[in-house]
N, C-alpha and C. Protein backbone atom coordinates (compact mmCIF):
# COMPACT_ATOMS: atom_id res chain seq x y z
N UNK A 1 -13.54 -4.29 10.54
CA UNK A 1 -12.31 -5.05 10.67
C UNK A 1 -12.18 -5.50 12.11
N UNK A 2 -11.78 -6.74 12.31
CA UNK A 2 -11.57 -7.29 13.64
C UNK A 2 -10.13 -7.79 13.74
N UNK A 3 -9.38 -7.19 14.65
CA UNK A 3 -7.97 -7.56 14.85
C UNK A 3 -7.87 -8.31 16.16
N UNK A 4 -7.30 -9.51 16.11
CA UNK A 4 -7.08 -10.28 17.34
C UNK A 4 -5.59 -10.56 17.50
N UNK A 5 -5.19 -10.74 18.76
CA UNK A 5 -3.80 -11.05 19.06
C UNK A 5 -3.55 -10.90 20.54
N UNK A 6 -2.51 -11.54 21.01
CA UNK A 6 -2.16 -11.45 22.43
C UNK A 6 -1.93 -10.00 22.84
N UNK A 7 -1.99 -9.75 24.13
CA UNK A 7 -1.70 -8.43 24.66
C UNK A 7 -0.31 -8.00 24.23
N UNK A 8 -0.22 -6.77 23.74
CA UNK A 8 1.08 -6.22 23.35
C UNK A 8 1.54 -6.55 21.95
N UNK A 9 0.72 -7.21 21.14
CA UNK A 9 1.17 -7.57 19.79
C UNK A 9 1.15 -6.40 18.81
N UNK A 10 0.59 -5.27 19.21
CA UNK A 10 0.59 -4.11 18.34
C UNK A 10 -0.73 -3.90 17.62
N UNK A 11 -1.82 -4.35 18.21
CA UNK A 11 -3.12 -4.20 17.57
C UNK A 11 -3.47 -2.73 17.33
N UNK A 12 -3.18 -1.89 18.32
CA UNK A 12 -3.48 -0.46 18.17
C UNK A 12 -2.61 0.17 17.08
N UNK A 13 -1.33 -0.16 17.07
CA UNK A 13 -0.44 0.36 16.02
C UNK A 13 -0.94 -0.07 14.64
N UNK A 14 -1.35 -1.32 14.56
CA UNK A 14 -1.85 -1.85 13.29
C UNK A 14 -3.12 -1.11 12.87
N UNK A 15 -4.01 -0.87 13.84
CA UNK A 15 -5.25 -0.13 13.55
C UNK A 15 -4.95 1.27 13.06
N UNK A 16 -3.97 1.94 13.69
CA UNK A 16 -3.60 3.29 13.27
C UNK A 16 -3.09 3.30 11.84
N UNK A 17 -2.29 2.30 11.50
CA UNK A 17 -1.78 2.21 10.13
C UNK A 17 -2.91 1.93 9.14
N UNK A 18 -3.84 1.08 9.55
CA UNK A 18 -4.98 0.78 8.67
C UNK A 18 -5.84 2.01 8.44
N UNK A 19 -6.07 2.76 9.50
CA UNK A 19 -6.92 3.95 9.41
C UNK A 19 -6.29 4.98 8.49
N UNK A 20 -4.98 5.10 8.55
CA UNK A 20 -4.24 6.05 7.72
C UNK A 20 -4.85 7.45 7.80
N UNK A 21 -5.47 7.72 8.92
CA UNK A 21 -6.10 9.02 9.16
C UNK A 21 -6.40 9.09 10.66
N UNK A 22 -6.99 10.17 11.06
CA UNK A 22 -7.36 10.30 12.47
C UNK A 22 -8.47 9.29 12.79
N UNK A 23 -8.34 8.66 13.94
CA UNK A 23 -9.39 7.75 14.38
C UNK A 23 -9.70 8.04 15.84
N UNK A 24 -10.92 7.75 16.23
CA UNK A 24 -11.33 7.93 17.61
C UNK A 24 -11.07 6.61 18.35
N UNK A 25 -10.11 6.64 19.27
CA UNK A 25 -9.71 5.45 20.02
C UNK A 25 -10.58 5.34 21.26
N UNK A 26 -11.29 4.23 21.38
CA UNK A 26 -12.17 4.01 22.52
C UNK A 26 -11.74 2.72 23.22
N UNK A 27 -11.23 2.86 24.45
CA UNK A 27 -10.77 1.71 25.22
C UNK A 27 -11.97 1.11 25.94
N UNK A 28 -12.48 0.01 25.44
CA UNK A 28 -13.76 -0.55 25.87
C UNK A 28 -13.83 -0.96 27.35
N UNK A 29 -12.78 -1.45 28.00
CA UNK A 29 -12.93 -1.83 29.41
C UNK A 29 -13.35 -0.68 30.32
N UNK A 30 -13.08 0.56 29.94
CA UNK A 30 -13.47 1.69 30.80
C UNK A 30 -14.48 2.61 30.13
N UNK A 31 -15.01 2.16 29.03
CA UNK A 31 -15.93 2.98 28.25
C UNK A 31 -17.29 3.04 28.94
N UNK A 32 -17.83 4.24 29.05
CA UNK A 32 -19.19 4.35 29.59
C UNK A 32 -20.14 4.78 28.48
N UNK A 33 -21.43 4.67 28.78
CA UNK A 33 -22.47 4.93 27.78
C UNK A 33 -22.41 6.36 27.24
N UNK A 34 -22.12 7.31 28.10
CA UNK A 34 -22.07 8.71 27.69
C UNK A 34 -20.98 8.96 26.65
N UNK A 35 -19.79 8.42 26.90
CA UNK A 35 -18.67 8.58 25.96
C UNK A 35 -18.98 7.88 24.64
N UNK A 36 -19.54 6.69 24.74
CA UNK A 36 -19.89 5.94 23.54
C UNK A 36 -20.92 6.71 22.71
N UNK A 37 -21.94 7.20 23.36
CA UNK A 37 -22.99 7.95 22.66
C UNK A 37 -22.42 9.22 22.02
N UNK A 38 -21.54 9.90 22.73
CA UNK A 38 -20.93 11.12 22.20
C UNK A 38 -20.12 10.81 20.94
N UNK A 39 -19.34 9.73 20.99
CA UNK A 39 -18.54 9.34 19.83
C UNK A 39 -19.44 8.99 18.65
N UNK A 40 -20.58 8.38 18.93
CA UNK A 40 -21.48 7.98 17.87
C UNK A 40 -22.22 9.15 17.25
N UNK A 41 -22.45 10.20 18.01
CA UNK A 41 -23.24 11.32 17.48
C UNK A 41 -22.41 12.51 17.03
N UNK A 42 -21.13 12.55 17.42
CA UNK A 42 -20.30 13.72 17.14
C UNK A 42 -20.00 13.92 15.66
N UNK A 43 -19.61 12.85 15.00
CA UNK A 43 -19.13 13.01 13.63
C UNK A 43 -19.70 11.92 12.74
N UNK A 44 -19.76 12.23 11.46
CA UNK A 44 -20.05 11.21 10.46
C UNK A 44 -18.76 10.96 9.69
N UNK A 45 -18.73 9.89 8.98
CA UNK A 45 -17.56 9.52 8.17
C UNK A 45 -16.29 9.45 9.01
N UNK A 46 -16.42 8.97 10.21
CA UNK A 46 -15.25 8.85 11.08
C UNK A 46 -14.78 7.39 11.13
N UNK A 47 -13.64 7.20 11.75
CA UNK A 47 -13.14 5.86 12.00
C UNK A 47 -13.09 5.68 13.51
N UNK A 48 -13.83 4.69 14.00
CA UNK A 48 -13.83 4.38 15.42
C UNK A 48 -12.98 3.14 15.65
N UNK A 49 -12.14 3.21 16.66
CA UNK A 49 -11.34 2.05 17.04
C UNK A 49 -11.82 1.57 18.40
N UNK A 50 -12.45 0.41 18.43
CA UNK A 50 -12.94 -0.19 19.67
C UNK A 50 -11.90 -1.17 20.18
N UNK A 51 -11.06 -0.69 21.09
CA UNK A 51 -9.94 -1.45 21.65
C UNK A 51 -10.46 -2.37 22.76
N UNK A 52 -10.15 -3.65 22.66
CA UNK A 52 -10.63 -4.68 23.60
C UNK A 52 -12.16 -4.71 23.64
N UNK A 53 -12.74 -4.87 22.47
CA UNK A 53 -14.18 -4.83 22.29
C UNK A 53 -14.91 -5.89 23.10
N UNK A 54 -14.27 -7.01 23.39
CA UNK A 54 -14.92 -8.09 24.15
C UNK A 54 -15.24 -7.66 25.59
N UNK A 55 -14.66 -6.57 26.06
CA UNK A 55 -14.90 -6.09 27.42
C UNK A 55 -16.19 -5.28 27.53
N UNK A 56 -16.83 -4.98 26.41
CA UNK A 56 -18.09 -4.22 26.47
C UNK A 56 -19.18 -5.05 27.13
N UNK A 57 -20.00 -4.39 27.94
CA UNK A 57 -21.15 -5.06 28.54
C UNK A 57 -22.16 -5.38 27.43
N UNK A 58 -23.08 -6.28 27.72
CA UNK A 58 -24.12 -6.64 26.75
C UNK A 58 -24.93 -5.41 26.33
N UNK A 59 -25.40 -4.55 27.27
CA UNK A 59 -26.12 -3.35 26.82
C UNK A 59 -25.28 -2.44 25.92
N UNK A 60 -24.00 -2.31 26.22
CA UNK A 60 -23.13 -1.48 25.38
C UNK A 60 -22.94 -2.12 24.00
N UNK A 61 -22.86 -3.45 23.96
CA UNK A 61 -22.76 -4.14 22.68
C UNK A 61 -24.00 -3.87 21.82
N UNK A 62 -25.16 -3.86 22.46
CA UNK A 62 -26.39 -3.55 21.73
C UNK A 62 -26.34 -2.13 21.17
N UNK A 63 -25.79 -1.20 21.93
CA UNK A 63 -25.67 0.19 21.44
C UNK A 63 -24.73 0.25 20.22
N UNK A 64 -23.64 -0.50 20.26
CA UNK A 64 -22.71 -0.53 19.13
C UNK A 64 -23.42 -1.11 17.90
N UNK A 65 -24.17 -2.19 18.09
CA UNK A 65 -24.91 -2.79 16.98
C UNK A 65 -25.87 -1.76 16.38
N UNK A 66 -26.61 -1.08 17.23
CA UNK A 66 -27.56 -0.07 16.75
C UNK A 66 -26.82 1.03 15.98
N UNK A 67 -25.71 1.47 16.51
CA UNK A 67 -24.93 2.51 15.85
C UNK A 67 -24.45 2.05 14.48
N UNK A 68 -23.95 0.81 14.40
CA UNK A 68 -23.47 0.29 13.12
C UNK A 68 -24.60 0.22 12.09
N UNK A 69 -25.80 -0.08 12.56
CA UNK A 69 -26.96 -0.15 11.65
C UNK A 69 -27.39 1.23 11.17
N UNK A 70 -27.24 2.24 12.00
CA UNK A 70 -27.74 3.58 11.66
C UNK A 70 -26.68 4.53 11.12
N UNK A 71 -25.43 4.14 11.17
CA UNK A 71 -24.33 5.01 10.70
C UNK A 71 -23.41 4.26 9.75
N UNK A 72 -23.91 3.90 8.58
CA UNK A 72 -23.10 3.09 7.67
C UNK A 72 -21.84 3.78 7.16
N UNK A 73 -21.77 5.11 7.24
CA UNK A 73 -20.59 5.83 6.74
C UNK A 73 -19.42 5.74 7.71
N UNK A 74 -19.70 5.38 8.95
CA UNK A 74 -18.64 5.28 9.94
C UNK A 74 -17.94 3.93 9.81
N UNK A 75 -16.64 3.97 9.78
CA UNK A 75 -15.83 2.74 9.71
C UNK A 75 -15.46 2.34 11.14
N UNK A 76 -15.48 1.05 11.40
CA UNK A 76 -15.14 0.55 12.73
C UNK A 76 -14.02 -0.47 12.61
N UNK A 77 -12.99 -0.25 13.41
CA UNK A 77 -11.93 -1.23 13.59
C UNK A 77 -12.02 -1.66 15.04
N UNK A 78 -12.09 -2.95 15.28
CA UNK A 78 -12.18 -3.46 16.65
C UNK A 78 -11.02 -4.41 16.90
N UNK A 79 -10.62 -4.49 18.17
CA UNK A 79 -9.55 -5.42 18.51
C UNK A 79 -9.91 -6.17 19.78
N UNK A 80 -9.27 -7.33 19.94
CA UNK A 80 -9.47 -8.13 21.13
C UNK A 80 -8.25 -9.00 21.37
N UNK A 81 -7.95 -9.21 22.65
CA UNK A 81 -6.89 -10.14 23.02
C UNK A 81 -7.38 -11.58 22.98
N UNK A 82 -8.69 -11.75 22.85
CA UNK A 82 -9.25 -13.09 22.71
C UNK A 82 -9.10 -13.54 21.26
N UNK A 83 -8.99 -14.83 21.06
CA UNK A 83 -8.91 -15.37 19.70
C UNK A 83 -10.27 -15.23 19.02
N UNK A 84 -10.26 -15.37 17.71
CA UNK A 84 -11.51 -15.29 16.95
C UNK A 84 -12.47 -16.38 17.40
N UNK A 85 -11.97 -17.56 17.68
CA UNK A 85 -12.82 -18.67 18.13
C UNK A 85 -13.40 -18.39 19.51
N UNK A 86 -12.59 -17.83 20.41
CA UNK A 86 -13.09 -17.51 21.75
C UNK A 86 -14.18 -16.45 21.68
N UNK A 87 -14.03 -15.48 20.82
CA UNK A 87 -15.07 -14.46 20.64
C UNK A 87 -16.35 -15.09 20.08
N UNK A 88 -16.19 -15.95 19.11
CA UNK A 88 -17.34 -16.54 18.43
C UNK A 88 -18.21 -17.37 19.38
N UNK A 89 -17.58 -18.07 20.31
CA UNK A 89 -18.34 -18.96 21.20
C UNK A 89 -18.62 -18.35 22.57
N UNK A 90 -18.15 -17.14 22.81
CA UNK A 90 -18.32 -16.51 24.11
C UNK A 90 -19.79 -16.25 24.43
N UNK A 91 -20.16 -16.54 25.67
CA UNK A 91 -21.54 -16.27 26.09
C UNK A 91 -21.71 -14.81 26.49
N UNK A 92 -20.61 -14.06 26.56
CA UNK A 92 -20.69 -12.65 26.95
C UNK A 92 -20.44 -11.70 25.76
N UNK A 93 -20.31 -12.27 24.56
CA UNK A 93 -20.12 -11.45 23.38
C UNK A 93 -21.21 -11.79 22.38
N UNK A 94 -22.01 -10.80 22.04
CA UNK A 94 -23.19 -11.03 21.20
C UNK A 94 -22.80 -11.50 19.80
N UNK A 95 -23.41 -12.59 19.35
CA UNK A 95 -23.12 -13.06 17.98
C UNK A 95 -23.41 -12.00 16.93
N UNK A 96 -24.47 -11.20 17.15
CA UNK A 96 -24.81 -10.15 16.17
C UNK A 96 -23.66 -9.16 16.01
N UNK A 97 -23.00 -8.82 17.11
CA UNK A 97 -21.87 -7.89 17.03
C UNK A 97 -20.67 -8.59 16.41
N UNK A 98 -20.45 -9.81 16.80
CA UNK A 98 -19.33 -10.57 16.23
C UNK A 98 -19.42 -10.59 14.70
N UNK A 99 -20.59 -10.93 14.17
CA UNK A 99 -20.71 -11.05 12.72
C UNK A 99 -20.66 -9.70 12.01
N UNK A 100 -21.04 -8.64 12.68
CA UNK A 100 -20.92 -7.30 12.08
C UNK A 100 -19.46 -6.84 12.03
N UNK A 101 -18.69 -7.19 13.05
CA UNK A 101 -17.29 -6.77 13.10
C UNK A 101 -16.37 -7.67 12.28
N UNK A 102 -16.74 -8.92 12.15
CA UNK A 102 -15.86 -9.90 11.51
C UNK A 102 -16.00 -9.91 9.99
N UNK A 103 -16.00 -8.72 9.39
CA UNK A 103 -16.00 -8.61 7.94
C UNK A 103 -14.63 -9.02 7.41
N UNK A 104 -13.60 -8.50 8.05
CA UNK A 104 -12.22 -8.85 7.73
C UNK A 104 -11.52 -9.12 9.05
N UNK A 105 -11.03 -10.34 9.22
CA UNK A 105 -10.34 -10.71 10.46
C UNK A 105 -8.83 -10.74 10.22
N UNK A 106 -8.09 -10.07 11.09
CA UNK A 106 -6.63 -10.09 11.03
C UNK A 106 -6.11 -10.59 12.37
N UNK A 107 -5.44 -11.71 12.34
CA UNK A 107 -4.86 -12.28 13.56
C UNK A 107 -3.38 -11.88 13.60
N UNK A 108 -3.01 -11.09 14.59
CA UNK A 108 -1.61 -10.67 14.71
C UNK A 108 -0.85 -11.69 15.55
N UNK A 109 0.19 -12.28 14.99
CA UNK A 109 0.98 -13.22 15.78
C UNK A 109 1.85 -12.48 16.80
N UNK A 110 2.30 -13.22 17.77
CA UNK A 110 3.20 -12.66 18.78
C UNK A 110 4.50 -12.22 18.11
N UNK A 111 5.17 -11.25 18.70
CA UNK A 111 6.44 -10.76 18.14
C UNK A 111 7.47 -11.88 18.04
N UNK A 112 7.43 -12.81 18.97
CA UNK A 112 8.37 -13.94 18.92
C UNK A 112 8.20 -14.78 17.65
N UNK A 113 7.01 -14.70 17.04
CA UNK A 113 6.73 -15.44 15.81
C UNK A 113 6.99 -14.62 14.55
N UNK A 114 7.33 -13.35 14.72
CA UNK A 114 7.59 -12.47 13.56
C UNK A 114 8.81 -11.59 13.85
N UNK A 115 9.89 -12.24 14.14
CA UNK A 115 11.10 -11.52 14.55
C UNK A 115 11.68 -10.65 13.43
N UNK A 116 11.27 -10.91 12.20
CA UNK A 116 11.74 -10.05 11.11
C UNK A 116 11.19 -8.63 11.23
N UNK A 117 10.16 -8.44 12.05
CA UNK A 117 9.59 -7.10 12.26
C UNK A 117 10.41 -6.29 13.27
N UNK A 118 11.30 -6.92 14.01
CA UNK A 118 12.03 -6.23 15.07
C UNK A 118 12.81 -5.02 14.56
N UNK A 119 13.59 -5.12 13.49
CA UNK A 119 14.32 -3.93 13.03
C UNK A 119 13.39 -2.79 12.59
N UNK A 120 12.33 -3.11 11.89
CA UNK A 120 11.39 -2.07 11.43
C UNK A 120 10.73 -1.39 12.62
N UNK A 121 10.25 -2.18 13.57
CA UNK A 121 9.60 -1.62 14.75
C UNK A 121 10.58 -0.82 15.60
N UNK A 122 11.78 -1.35 15.78
CA UNK A 122 12.79 -0.65 16.58
C UNK A 122 13.08 0.72 15.98
N UNK A 123 13.31 0.77 14.69
CA UNK A 123 13.59 2.05 14.03
C UNK A 123 12.38 2.98 14.12
N UNK A 124 11.18 2.45 13.99
CA UNK A 124 9.98 3.28 14.09
C UNK A 124 9.83 3.87 15.50
N UNK A 125 10.14 3.07 16.52
CA UNK A 125 10.04 3.57 17.89
C UNK A 125 11.09 4.64 18.16
N UNK A 126 12.29 4.48 17.62
CA UNK A 126 13.30 5.53 17.75
C UNK A 126 12.84 6.79 17.01
N UNK A 127 12.23 6.64 15.84
CA UNK A 127 11.74 7.80 15.08
C UNK A 127 10.66 8.55 15.86
N UNK A 128 9.80 7.82 16.59
CA UNK A 128 8.79 8.47 17.42
C UNK A 128 9.44 9.40 18.45
N UNK A 129 10.67 9.06 18.83
CA UNK A 129 11.42 9.85 19.81
C UNK A 129 12.33 10.87 19.13
N UNK A 130 12.14 11.05 17.82
CA UNK A 130 12.99 11.94 17.01
C UNK A 130 14.46 11.56 17.08
N UNK A 131 14.70 10.27 17.01
CA UNK A 131 16.06 9.75 17.05
C UNK A 131 16.24 8.77 15.89
N UNK A 132 17.46 8.68 15.39
CA UNK A 132 17.79 7.72 14.33
C UNK A 132 19.21 7.20 14.57
N UNK A 133 19.43 6.53 15.71
CA UNK A 133 20.78 6.06 16.00
C UNK A 133 21.18 4.87 15.15
N UNK A 134 22.49 4.67 15.02
CA UNK A 134 23.00 3.44 14.44
C UNK A 134 22.83 2.36 15.51
N UNK A 135 22.68 1.14 15.06
CA UNK A 135 22.49 0.04 16.01
C UNK A 135 23.52 -1.03 15.71
N UNK A 136 24.32 -1.31 16.72
CA UNK A 136 25.39 -2.30 16.59
C UNK A 136 24.79 -3.67 16.27
N UNK A 137 25.44 -4.45 15.39
CA UNK A 137 24.94 -5.79 15.05
C UNK A 137 24.71 -6.69 16.27
N UNK A 138 25.50 -6.52 17.32
CA UNK A 138 25.31 -7.35 18.51
C UNK A 138 23.96 -7.07 19.18
N UNK A 139 23.46 -5.85 19.03
CA UNK A 139 22.14 -5.50 19.58
C UNK A 139 21.05 -6.23 18.80
N UNK A 140 21.18 -6.23 17.46
CA UNK A 140 20.20 -6.96 16.65
C UNK A 140 20.20 -8.44 17.01
N UNK A 141 21.39 -8.99 17.22
CA UNK A 141 21.50 -10.40 17.59
C UNK A 141 20.82 -10.66 18.95
N UNK A 142 21.05 -9.79 19.90
CA UNK A 142 20.43 -9.94 21.23
C UNK A 142 18.91 -9.84 21.13
N UNK A 143 18.41 -8.89 20.35
CA UNK A 143 16.97 -8.73 20.20
C UNK A 143 16.33 -9.92 19.49
N UNK A 144 17.05 -10.49 18.54
CA UNK A 144 16.52 -11.67 17.84
C UNK A 144 16.41 -12.88 18.78
N UNK A 145 17.28 -12.95 19.78
CA UNK A 145 17.27 -14.09 20.70
C UNK A 145 16.32 -13.89 21.87
N UNK A 146 15.90 -12.67 22.12
CA UNK A 146 15.05 -12.38 23.27
C UNK A 146 13.63 -12.91 23.02
N UNK A 147 12.95 -13.49 24.02
CA UNK A 147 11.63 -14.11 23.79
C UNK A 147 10.45 -13.15 23.61
N UNK A 148 10.55 -11.91 24.03
CA UNK A 148 9.51 -10.89 23.89
C UNK A 148 8.14 -11.37 24.35
N UNK A 149 8.06 -11.77 25.61
CA UNK A 149 6.77 -12.18 26.17
C UNK A 149 5.79 -11.01 26.23
N UNK A 150 6.30 -9.79 26.31
CA UNK A 150 5.45 -8.61 26.31
C UNK A 150 5.19 -8.07 24.91
N UNK A 151 5.65 -8.79 23.90
CA UNK A 151 5.39 -8.47 22.51
C UNK A 151 5.90 -7.10 22.10
N UNK A 152 5.17 -6.42 21.22
CA UNK A 152 5.60 -5.14 20.65
C UNK A 152 5.76 -4.08 21.74
N UNK A 153 4.87 -4.10 22.73
CA UNK A 153 4.96 -3.11 23.82
C UNK A 153 6.28 -3.27 24.57
N UNK A 154 6.73 -4.50 24.76
CA UNK A 154 7.99 -4.72 25.45
C UNK A 154 9.16 -4.19 24.61
N UNK A 155 9.12 -4.40 23.30
CA UNK A 155 10.16 -3.84 22.43
C UNK A 155 10.17 -2.32 22.51
N UNK A 156 8.99 -1.72 22.52
CA UNK A 156 8.91 -0.26 22.63
C UNK A 156 9.56 0.22 23.93
N UNK A 157 9.30 -0.48 25.02
CA UNK A 157 9.90 -0.12 26.31
C UNK A 157 11.42 -0.27 26.27
N UNK A 158 11.91 -1.30 25.60
CA UNK A 158 13.35 -1.51 25.47
C UNK A 158 13.97 -0.34 24.69
N UNK A 159 13.31 0.08 23.63
CA UNK A 159 13.80 1.22 22.84
C UNK A 159 13.81 2.49 23.69
N UNK A 160 12.76 2.71 24.45
CA UNK A 160 12.72 3.90 25.32
C UNK A 160 13.83 3.86 26.37
N UNK A 161 14.09 2.69 26.90
CA UNK A 161 15.19 2.53 27.87
C UNK A 161 16.51 2.91 27.21
N UNK A 162 16.78 2.32 26.05
CA UNK A 162 18.03 2.60 25.34
C UNK A 162 18.16 4.08 25.00
N UNK A 163 17.06 4.67 24.56
CA UNK A 163 17.08 6.10 24.19
C UNK A 163 17.39 6.98 25.40
N UNK A 164 16.90 6.57 26.55
CA UNK A 164 17.09 7.41 27.75
C UNK A 164 18.52 7.39 28.27
N UNK A 165 19.27 6.34 27.97
CA UNK A 165 20.66 6.29 28.46
C UNK A 165 21.69 6.39 27.35
N UNK A 166 21.23 6.55 26.12
CA UNK A 166 22.15 6.60 24.97
C UNK A 166 23.03 7.84 25.04
N UNK A 167 24.33 7.60 24.93
CA UNK A 167 25.28 8.69 24.75
C UNK A 167 25.96 8.40 23.42
N UNK A 168 26.06 9.38 22.60
CA UNK A 168 26.60 9.16 21.27
C UNK A 168 25.49 8.82 20.29
N UNK A 169 25.90 8.20 19.18
CA UNK A 169 24.95 7.96 18.10
C UNK A 169 24.75 6.47 17.80
N UNK A 170 25.35 5.58 18.59
CA UNK A 170 25.22 4.15 18.33
C UNK A 170 24.71 3.42 19.56
N UNK A 171 23.73 2.57 19.36
CA UNK A 171 23.19 1.73 20.43
C UNK A 171 24.02 0.46 20.50
N UNK A 172 24.60 0.22 21.70
CA UNK A 172 25.38 -0.99 21.95
C UNK A 172 24.66 -1.85 22.98
N UNK A 173 25.17 -3.04 23.23
CA UNK A 173 24.56 -3.96 24.19
C UNK A 173 24.34 -3.33 25.56
N UNK A 174 25.29 -2.51 26.01
CA UNK A 174 25.14 -1.96 27.36
C UNK A 174 24.01 -0.92 27.45
N UNK A 175 23.43 -0.55 26.31
CA UNK A 175 22.28 0.35 26.32
C UNK A 175 20.96 -0.40 26.47
N UNK A 176 21.00 -1.72 26.42
CA UNK A 176 19.79 -2.52 26.59
C UNK A 176 19.54 -2.79 28.07
N UNK A 177 18.29 -2.96 28.46
CA UNK A 177 18.01 -3.29 29.86
C UNK A 177 18.67 -4.61 30.24
N UNK A 178 19.11 -4.75 31.47
CA UNK A 178 19.80 -5.99 31.89
C UNK A 178 18.99 -7.26 31.64
N UNK A 179 17.67 -7.19 31.78
CA UNK A 179 16.86 -8.40 31.60
C UNK A 179 16.90 -8.92 30.16
N UNK A 180 17.21 -8.05 29.21
CA UNK A 180 17.30 -8.50 27.81
C UNK A 180 18.55 -9.35 27.62
N UNK A 181 19.60 -9.01 28.32
CA UNK A 181 20.86 -9.72 28.17
C UNK A 181 20.92 -11.00 28.99
N UNK A 182 20.13 -11.12 30.03
CA UNK A 182 20.20 -12.26 30.94
C UNK A 182 20.09 -13.62 30.25
N UNK A 183 19.14 -13.82 29.33
CA UNK A 183 19.02 -15.16 28.76
C UNK A 183 20.01 -15.47 27.64
N UNK A 184 20.89 -14.52 27.32
CA UNK A 184 21.79 -14.72 26.19
C UNK A 184 22.98 -15.61 26.53
N UNK A 185 23.45 -16.37 25.55
CA UNK A 185 24.67 -17.16 25.76
C UNK A 185 25.85 -16.23 26.02
N UNK A 186 26.85 -16.72 26.72
CA UNK A 186 27.98 -15.89 27.13
C UNK A 186 28.74 -15.31 25.92
N UNK A 187 28.73 -15.98 24.79
CA UNK A 187 29.44 -15.47 23.60
C UNK A 187 28.86 -14.15 23.14
N UNK A 188 27.55 -13.98 23.22
CA UNK A 188 26.92 -12.73 22.79
C UNK A 188 27.07 -11.68 23.88
N UNK A 189 26.93 -12.07 25.17
CA UNK A 189 27.01 -11.13 26.27
C UNK A 189 28.35 -10.42 26.31
N UNK A 190 29.41 -11.11 25.95
CA UNK A 190 30.73 -10.55 26.06
C UNK A 190 31.04 -9.49 25.03
N UNK A 191 30.21 -9.37 24.00
CA UNK A 191 30.43 -8.37 22.95
C UNK A 191 30.14 -6.98 23.46
N UNK A 192 31.06 -6.10 23.38
CA UNK A 192 30.88 -4.69 23.75
C UNK A 192 31.35 -3.85 22.57
N UNK A 193 31.12 -2.57 22.66
CA UNK A 193 31.58 -1.70 21.57
C UNK A 193 33.10 -1.72 21.52
N UNK A 194 33.59 -1.53 20.32
CA UNK A 194 35.05 -1.54 20.13
C UNK A 194 35.63 -0.17 20.34
């Protein structure tokens, strides 16, 4: 499986959901040969997640190709911030690896293009913190209007901010970071808890 999408779109979260089990997360920009070899020889029937696979050097890409050929029981999920087209034509990404990984391609759109995911993700991030607060409708309105240039990671940070200053059981506008409220029209900004 090959997952592509801008930085912060939730490729790792998506991979974890797809794996639906323990997976070995390997961050390719800092991956060295020893760690790669260890992951390849340690277990069979595992799920490897190659995060930012386009950052692998050519020799490391050859090692991944060899591993995929010799370990058919291992499942691989790979992700990249590059588009599928950029990967396909890249002079630094081996076509042999591209075609082995591109069995199923999933392009994750930016959070700004899938705003209906905001409530689900927000609640999931609060659950990760063992919290289940009520959320005032004005907060949902503010989040729907926010551009989310940092995508899912930015939403997660906003949730962590709100959780750290939350008093009581309801998230109101004043629990959001100031930068979230800055681009809002004055009609929404003026809404506070009753």
